[in-house]
């Protein structure tokens, strides 16, 4: 009657020893963690998680901008790339080069970043607008101009120290901005909207509309009359009349 607890205790002791031995055996068989491949990928200038949004170049440097503050630069025509330290956690939307060979880039947090000609040093300038800016351009005389929601434009003549804002009060987003020459500029965006400026981006008027409220994702104008716009499904429209009339192709 008194031996049952003793047998139970011995059995429990054997189980504990067996469990402990098993644990030791498994620990002894675990392979060492090798992180060399991970470190190698981390040191590469490009990563699988990168999403590139815009590209610009001057005479010597190409810059690619993307998500999470990604900036890549190349000084040998794209043969090799250097990854700049992430200067902002916000994604870049647009980038362009200026007549003085410097760069300006727009990030999603309504900040304009000014980079030197080598794209190594960057200074940020917060935009004063409550609207979401979507694109940025540099005029031939070096003025910075941004555009975005509610057909809002901002321009700075002192490299981001101060800004002036104007709007057409149209409920549309401007996605693209291009200076054709010192005086003429074109902006395109939502609902097929095409805007023009004849005074270097100070004032804007509606030049025309793309057919069927075509959402313009990108645009390029050779001159004030001849331009192309592109959007979803591979559609490309061309105008030869400052945006008044359009022909289409795919």
Protein backbone atom coordinates (compact mmCIF):
# COMPACT_ATOMS: atom_id res chain seq x y z
CA UNK A 1 0.00 0.00 0.00
CA UNK A 2 2.94 2.33 0.66
CA UNK A 3 5.00 1.46 -2.49
CA UNK A 4 2.73 3.06 -5.10
CA UNK A 5 3.86 6.65 -4.45
CA UNK A 6 7.51 5.55 -4.66
CA UNK A 7 7.04 3.89 -8.05
CA UNK A 8 5.21 6.95 -9.30
CA UNK A 9 8.07 9.19 -8.15
CA UNK A 10 10.70 7.05 -9.90
CA UNK A 11 8.67 7.08 -13.11
CA UNK A 12 8.43 10.83 -13.02
CA UNK A 13 12.12 11.11 -12.51
CA UNK A 14 12.87 8.98 -15.56
CA UNK A 15 10.54 11.11 -17.68
CA UNK A 16 12.29 14.25 -16.58
CA UNK A 17 15.68 12.82 -17.43
CA UNK A 18 14.43 11.66 -20.81
CA UNK A 19 12.96 15.08 -21.61
CA UNK A 20 16.15 16.83 -20.59
CA UNK A 21 18.27 14.49 -22.72
CA UNK A 22 16.04 15.05 -25.71
CA UNK A 23 16.35 18.79 -25.33
CA UNK A 24 20.10 18.55 -25.18
CA UNK A 25 20.17 16.34 -28.23
CA UNK A 26 18.08 18.74 -30.29
CA UNK A 27 20.17 21.69 -29.19
CA UNK A 28 23.33 19.91 -30.17
CA UNK A 29 22.03 19.23 -33.72
CA UNK A 30 21.01 22.87 -34.48
CA UNK A 31 23.07 24.36 -37.34
CA UNK A 32 24.83 27.72 -36.80
CA UNK A 33 22.97 30.73 -38.24
CA UNK A 34 24.65 32.05 -41.39
CA UNK A 35 23.74 35.67 -42.21
CA UNK A 36 26.35 36.28 -44.91
CA UNK A 37 23.75 36.11 -47.70
CA UNK A 38 21.49 38.55 -45.85
CA UNK A 39 24.36 40.99 -45.30
CA UNK A 40 25.35 40.71 -48.94
CA UNK A 41 21.86 41.70 -50.07
CA UNK A 42 21.72 44.56 -47.59
CA UNK A 43 24.93 46.00 -49.03
CA UNK A 44 23.59 45.99 -52.59
CA UNK A 45 22.43 49.37 -53.93
CA UNK A 46 19.11 47.96 -55.19
CA UNK A 47 16.67 45.81 -53.23
CA UNK A 48 13.64 43.71 -54.08
CA UNK A 49 11.46 45.92 -51.91
CA UNK A 50 12.35 49.09 -53.84
CA UNK A 51 9.63 50.72 -55.90
CA UNK A 52 10.99 53.40 -58.21
CA UNK A 53 8.70 56.31 -59.00
CA UNK A 54 10.74 58.92 -60.88
CA UNK A 55 14.09 59.59 -62.55
CA UNK A 56 16.04 62.72 -63.52
CA UNK A 57 19.52 63.54 -64.77
CA UNK A 58 21.91 66.41 -65.30
CA UNK A 59 25.12 66.45 -67.31
CA UNK A 60 26.92 64.03 -65.01
CA UNK A 61 24.50 62.31 -62.65
CA UNK A 62 21.36 60.18 -62.91
CA UNK A 63 19.06 59.99 -59.88
CA UNK A 64 16.25 57.50 -59.30
CA UNK A 65 13.75 58.17 -56.50
CA UNK A 66 11.21 55.83 -54.96
CA UNK A 67 9.40 54.54 -51.90
CA UNK A 68 10.54 54.98 -48.29
CA UNK A 69 13.02 57.68 -49.15
CA UNK A 70 14.97 55.58 -51.65
CA UNK A 71 17.49 57.52 -53.73
CA UNK A 72 19.90 55.89 -56.17
CA UNK A 73 22.53 57.83 -58.10
CA UNK A 74 24.87 56.95 -60.94
CA UNK A 75 27.79 58.97 -62.28
CA UNK A 76 28.67 56.54 -65.08
CA UNK A 77 25.50 56.53 -67.18
CA UNK A 78 23.81 53.80 -65.18
CA UNK A 79 26.61 51.23 -65.22
CA UNK A 80 26.84 51.30 -61.43
CA UNK A 81 24.67 52.78 -58.71
CA UNK A 82 25.12 54.18 -55.22
CA UNK A 83 22.38 54.10 -52.65
CA UNK A 84 22.00 57.28 -50.66
CA UNK A 85 21.04 56.91 -47.01
CA UNK A 86 17.26 57.12 -46.65
CA UNK A 87 16.67 60.81 -46.09
CA UNK A 88 12.97 60.46 -45.33
CA UNK A 89 10.53 57.71 -44.50
CA UNK A 90 8.05 59.20 -46.93
CA UNK A 91 7.95 58.09 -50.54
CA UNK A 92 9.13 60.26 -53.39
CA UNK A 93 6.60 61.24 -56.05
CA UNK A 94 8.66 63.26 -58.53
CA UNK A 95 12.18 64.50 -59.22
CA UNK A 96 13.72 66.84 -61.77
CA UNK A 97 16.98 68.64 -62.51
CA UNK A 98 17.43 72.42 -62.59
CA UNK A 99 19.45 74.70 -64.87
CA UNK A 100 22.21 74.94 -62.24
CA UNK A 101 22.51 71.10 -62.39
CA UNK A 102 21.04 70.62 -58.91
CA UNK A 103 18.02 68.39 -58.26
CA UNK A 104 14.67 68.96 -56.59
CA UNK A 105 12.47 66.07 -55.49
CA UNK A 106 8.95 65.99 -54.02
CA UNK A 107 8.00 63.54 -51.28
CA UNK A 108 4.51 62.47 -50.25
CA UNK A 109 4.70 64.43 -46.99
CA UNK A 110 4.61 67.71 -48.96
CA UNK A 111 8.35 68.31 -48.73
CA UNK A 112 10.66 69.50 -51.50
CA UNK A 113 14.21 68.14 -51.25
CA UNK A 114 17.05 70.07 -52.86
CA UNK A 115 20.10 68.03 -53.86
CA UNK A 116 23.44 69.21 -55.17
CA UNK A 117 24.72 68.33 -58.62
CA UNK A 118 26.25 65.07 -57.38
CA UNK A 119 23.02 64.10 -55.55
CA UNK A 120 25.00 63.46 -52.36
CA UNK A 121 23.75 66.30 -50.15
CA UNK A 122 20.07 67.11 -49.68
CA UNK A 123 18.18 69.86 -47.83
CA UNK A 124 14.44 69.69 -47.17
CA UNK A 125 11.90 72.49 -47.52
CA UNK A 126 8.37 72.04 -46.16
CA UNK A 127 5.54 73.19 -48.40
CA UNK A 128 2.91 75.48 -46.84
CA UNK A 129 -0.10 74.10 -48.73
CA UNK A 130 -2.87 72.06 -47.13
CA UNK A 131 -3.39 70.38 -50.52
CA UNK A 132 -1.46 67.27 -51.53
CA UNK A 133 1.26 68.18 -53.99
CA UNK A 134 1.94 65.54 -56.67
CA UNK A 135 4.59 66.89 -59.03
CA UNK A 136 7.49 69.36 -59.16
CA UNK A 137 9.36 71.19 -61.91
CA UNK A 138 12.20 73.68 -62.31
CA UNK A 139 11.71 76.58 -64.70
CA UNK A 140 14.45 77.69 -67.12
CA UNK A 141 15.24 80.62 -64.80
CA UNK A 142 15.59 78.31 -61.79
CA UNK A 143 12.22 78.84 -60.15
CA UNK A 144 10.68 75.86 -58.33
CA UNK A 145 7.05 75.01 -59.06
CA UNK A 146 4.86 72.31 -57.51
CA UNK A 147 1.30 71.26 -58.34
CA UNK A 148 -1.27 68.85 -56.96
CA UNK A 149 -4.83 68.45 -55.71
CA UNK A 150 -7.59 71.03 -56.23
CA UNK A 151 -5.57 72.39 -59.20
CA UNK A 152 -3.19 74.04 -56.74
CA UNK A 153 0.16 75.51 -57.77
CA UNK A 154 3.01 76.74 -55.59
CA UNK A 155 6.15 78.50 -56.79
CA UNK A 156 9.32 79.68 -55.13
CA UNK A 157 11.86 82.12 -56.57
CA UNK A 158 14.33 81.75 -53.69
CA UNK A 159 15.01 77.98 -53.65
CA UNK A 160 12.30 77.03 -51.19
CA UNK A 161 12.74 79.79 -48.61
CA UNK A 162 9.30 81.25 -49.41
CA UNK A 163 6.32 80.11 -51.49
CA UNK A 164 3.39 81.68 -53.31
CA UNK A 165 0.23 79.65 -53.92
CA UNK A 166 -2.58 79.87 -56.45
CA UNK A 167 -5.46 77.62 -57.46
CA UNK A 168 -7.97 77.30 -60.31
CA UNK A 169 -10.42 75.90 -57.73
CA UNK A 170 -11.14 72.90 -59.91
CA UNK A 171 -11.66 69.62 -58.05
CA UNK A 172 -8.94 67.81 -59.98
CA UNK A 173 -5.44 66.50 -59.25
CA UNK A 174 -2.48 67.69 -61.31
CA UNK A 175 0.02 64.88 -61.91
CA UNK A 176 2.44 66.36 -64.44
CA UNK A 177 4.18 69.70 -64.88
CA UNK A 178 6.55 70.69 -67.68
CA UNK A 179 8.23 73.91 -68.73
CA UNK A 180 8.53 74.25 -72.48
CA UNK A 181 10.49 77.48 -72.42
CA UNK A 182 11.01 80.54 -70.23
CA UNK A 183 7.35 81.59 -70.46
CA UNK A 184 5.29 78.57 -71.48
CA UNK A 185 4.44 75.63 -69.23
CA UNK A 186 1.96 72.74 -69.42
CA UNK A 187 0.24 70.84 -66.61
CA UNK A 188 -1.98 67.76 -66.98
CA UNK A 189 -3.95 65.52 -64.68
CA UNK A 190 -7.29 64.17 -63.57
CA UNK A 191 -10.44 64.28 -65.75
CA UNK A 192 -8.31 64.89 -68.85
CA UNK A 193 -7.42 68.37 -67.67
CA UNK A 194 -4.76 70.29 -69.63
CA UNK A 195 -3.56 73.60 -68.20
CA UNK A 196 -1.23 76.21 -69.66
CA UNK A 197 0.84 79.10 -68.39
CA UNK A 198 2.19 81.92 -70.54
CA UNK A 199 4.09 83.74 -67.80
CA UNK A 200 6.55 81.19 -66.47
CA UNK A 201 4.13 79.39 -64.15
CA UNK A 202 2.81 82.44 -62.30
CA UNK A 203 -0.75 82.11 -63.65
CA UNK A 204 -2.61 79.20 -65.21
CA UNK A 205 -5.61 78.71 -67.51
CA UNK A 206 -7.43 75.68 -68.88
CA UNK A 207 -6.07 74.85 -72.34
CA UNK A 208 -8.37 71.90 -73.09
CA UNK A 209 -9.51 68.44 -72.08
CA UNK A 210 -8.57 64.96 -73.22
CA UNK A 211 -11.51 62.88 -74.53
CA UNK A 212 -13.87 61.08 -72.13
CA UNK A 213 -12.26 62.59 -69.01
CA UNK A 214 -9.19 60.45 -69.69
CA UNK A 215 -7.09 60.27 -66.52
CA UNK A 216 -3.66 61.52 -67.60
CA UNK A 217 -0.88 59.66 -65.80
CA UNK A 218 1.99 61.14 -67.78
CA UNK A 219 2.53 63.72 -70.50
CA UNK A 220 5.22 65.18 -72.73
CA UNK A 221 5.03 68.29 -74.92
CA UNK A 222 7.59 68.91 -77.64
CA UNK A 223 6.35 72.48 -77.87
CA UNK A 224 3.21 74.36 -76.93
CA UNK A 225 1.13 72.77 -79.70
CA UNK A 226 2.50 69.24 -80.01
CA UNK A 227 2.14 66.88 -77.09
CA UNK A 228 1.37 63.34 -75.97
CA UNK A 229 -0.47 62.02 -72.93
CA UNK A 230 -0.62 58.46 -71.57
CA UNK A 231 -2.78 56.55 -69.14
CA UNK A 232 -4.18 53.13 -68.30
CA UNK A 233 -4.65 50.24 -70.75
CA UNK A 234 -1.88 51.49 -73.02
CA UNK A 235 -3.84 54.41 -74.48
CA UNK A 236 -1.83 57.35 -75.83
CA UNK A 237 -3.36 60.56 -77.13
CA UNK A 238 -1.65 63.17 -79.25
CA UNK A 239 -2.50 66.82 -79.74
CA UNK A 240 -1.29 69.33 -82.30
CA UNK A 241 -3.38 72.21 -81.04
CA UNK A 242 -2.30 73.00 -77.48
CA UNK A 243 -4.67 70.39 -76.08
CA UNK A 244 -7.83 71.48 -77.89
CA UNK A 245 -8.09 68.44 -80.18
CA UNK A 246 -6.74 64.90 -79.76
CA UNK A 247 -6.12 61.76 -81.78
CA UNK A 248 -5.56 58.38 -80.18
CA UNK A 249 -3.43 55.27 -80.59
CA UNK A 250 -2.38 52.20 -78.59
